[in-house]
Amino acid sequence: MEELNIERVRAILHSRLSGRGIDVDDVYINGVYSLEKPLVTYSQTLVWALYLKLQDGEVPYFEGDHLGLFVKAYTFDSIHRFKGLEFDEVNGISADIAELFQIQSVV
């Protein structure tokens, strides 16, 4: 089993996404509590979002209208939406990374 650390998570994400010109440190997962009042209550880089879930022993999984991928922290403005990556792909990569660190989802 590999040792879980932020640099290893970054390296794995980089190897999976950099070929498409995606800098994993410039992709943010931002979330709002309510779409009616889109005040951002959650904002992490893709790397940190995955790492924090893995550190808690969880397989990272993101979905829903209240979350999005952005090129800027703490915004939910559509002009800052990240194009070229969707949560389905993020969740697939997350599952692969969790498996590498022997973290299993509790379903």
Protein backbone atom coordinates (compact mmCIF):
# COMPACT_ATOMS: atom_id res chain seq x y z
CA MET A 1 0.00 0.00 0.00
CA GLU A 2 1.23 3.46 -0.86
CA GLU A 3 1.51 6.20 1.73
CA LEU A 4 -1.24 8.78 1.38
CA ASN A 5 0.09 12.31 1.02
CA ILE A 6 -0.90 15.44 -0.87
CA GLU A 7 2.04 15.27 -3.27
CA ARG A 8 1.16 11.72 -4.35
CA VAL A 9 -2.47 12.68 -4.95
CA ARG A 10 -1.31 15.71 -6.98
CA ALA A 11 1.09 13.55 -9.02
CA ILE A 12 -1.60 11.00 -9.86
CA LEU A 13 -4.08 13.69 -10.88
CA HIS A 14 -1.38 15.43 -12.90
CA SER A 15 -0.51 12.22 -14.74
CA ARG A 16 -4.18 11.62 -15.61
CA LEU A 17 -5.09 15.17 -16.67
CA SER A 18 -2.00 17.14 -17.69
CA GLY A 19 -2.00 15.66 -21.20
CA ARG A 20 -5.12 17.72 -21.83
CA GLY A 21 -3.49 20.89 -20.54
CA ILE A 22 -5.28 20.76 -17.18
CA ASP A 23 -3.34 22.14 -14.23
CA VAL A 24 -4.89 20.32 -11.27
CA ASP A 25 -3.95 23.14 -8.91
CA ASP A 26 -6.06 25.56 -10.96
CA VAL A 27 -9.29 23.56 -10.82
CA TYR A 28 -11.59 24.29 -7.88
CA ILE A 29 -14.57 22.41 -6.55
CA ASN A 30 -16.91 25.11 -5.29
CA GLY A 31 -20.22 24.56 -3.60
CA VAL A 32 -23.21 26.55 -2.49
CA TYR A 33 -25.85 25.70 0.09
CA SER A 34 -28.66 27.06 -2.06
CA LEU A 35 -28.92 27.84 -5.77
CA GLU A 36 -31.38 30.61 -4.98
CA LYS A 37 -28.72 32.42 -2.93
CA PRO A 38 -25.45 31.17 -4.42
CA LEU A 39 -23.16 32.08 -1.54
CA VAL A 40 -20.13 29.80 -1.81
CA THR A 41 -19.79 27.70 1.33
CA TYR A 42 -17.16 25.25 0.04
CA SER A 43 -14.09 25.83 -2.11
CA GLN A 44 -11.07 23.55 -2.47
CA THR A 45 -8.64 22.83 -5.25
CA LEU A 46 -9.28 19.51 -6.92
CA VAL A 47 -6.12 18.15 -5.30
CA TRP A 48 -7.07 19.20 -1.77
CA ALA A 49 -10.71 18.13 -2.14
CA LEU A 50 -9.65 14.60 -3.07
CA TYR A 51 -6.88 14.45 -0.49
CA LEU A 52 -9.13 15.56 2.39
CA LYS A 53 -11.75 12.91 1.56
CA LEU A 54 -9.09 10.21 1.23
CA GLN A 55 -7.52 11.30 4.51
CA ASP A 56 -10.93 10.79 6.16
CA GLY A 57 -11.03 7.25 4.74
CA GLU A 58 -13.67 8.12 2.14
CA VAL A 59 -13.73 7.52 -1.59
CA PRO A 60 -14.09 11.04 -3.00
CA TYR A 61 -17.39 11.49 -4.82
CA PHE A 62 -18.89 14.76 -5.99
CA GLU A 63 -22.24 15.43 -7.61
CA GLY A 64 -25.23 17.71 -7.57
CA ASP A 65 -26.33 21.11 -8.78
CA HIS A 66 -24.91 22.74 -5.66
CA LEU A 67 -21.31 21.80 -6.65
CA GLY A 68 -19.27 22.74 -9.68
CA LEU A 69 -15.81 22.82 -11.18
CA PHE A 70 -14.37 26.31 -11.55
CA VAL A 71 -11.18 28.11 -12.59
CA LYS A 72 -11.43 30.44 -9.61
CA ALA A 73 -11.91 29.82 -5.88
CA TYR A 74 -15.04 30.96 -4.02
CA THR A 75 -17.22 31.71 -7.02
CA PHE A 76 -20.30 30.11 -8.48
CA ASP A 77 -20.48 32.48 -11.42
CA SER A 78 -20.97 30.57 -14.66
CA ILE A 79 -18.29 32.61 -16.44
CA HIS A 80 -15.72 30.90 -14.19
CA ARG A 81 -16.93 27.34 -14.82
CA PHE A 82 -14.16 24.95 -15.77
CA LYS A 83 -14.69 23.43 -19.20
CA GLY A 84 -13.23 20.11 -20.24
CA LEU A 85 -13.73 18.12 -17.04
CA GLU A 86 -16.91 16.78 -15.48
CA PHE A 87 -17.66 15.19 -12.11
CA ASP A 88 -18.18 11.78 -13.74
CA GLU A 89 -14.53 11.76 -14.78
CA VAL A 90 -13.36 13.23 -11.46
CA ASN A 91 -15.30 10.53 -9.59
CA GLY A 92 -13.78 7.79 -11.76
CA ILE A 93 -10.26 9.07 -11.14
CA SER A 94 -11.08 9.45 -7.44
CA ALA A 95 -12.19 5.82 -7.22
CA ASP A 96 -8.93 4.72 -8.89
CA ILE A 97 -6.87 6.79 -6.46
CA ALA A 98 -8.82 5.46 -3.46
CA GLU A 99 -8.19 1.91 -4.63
CA LEU A 100 -4.46 2.63 -4.87
CA PHE A 101 -4.50 3.70 -1.20
CA GLN A 102 -6.81 0.77 -0.32
CA ILE A 103 -9.72 3.00 0.66
CA GLN A 104 -13.09 1.46 -0.02
CA SER A 105 -16.49 3.07 -0.15
CA VAL A 106 -19.01 2.10 2.48
CA VAL A 107 -22.21 1.43 0.55
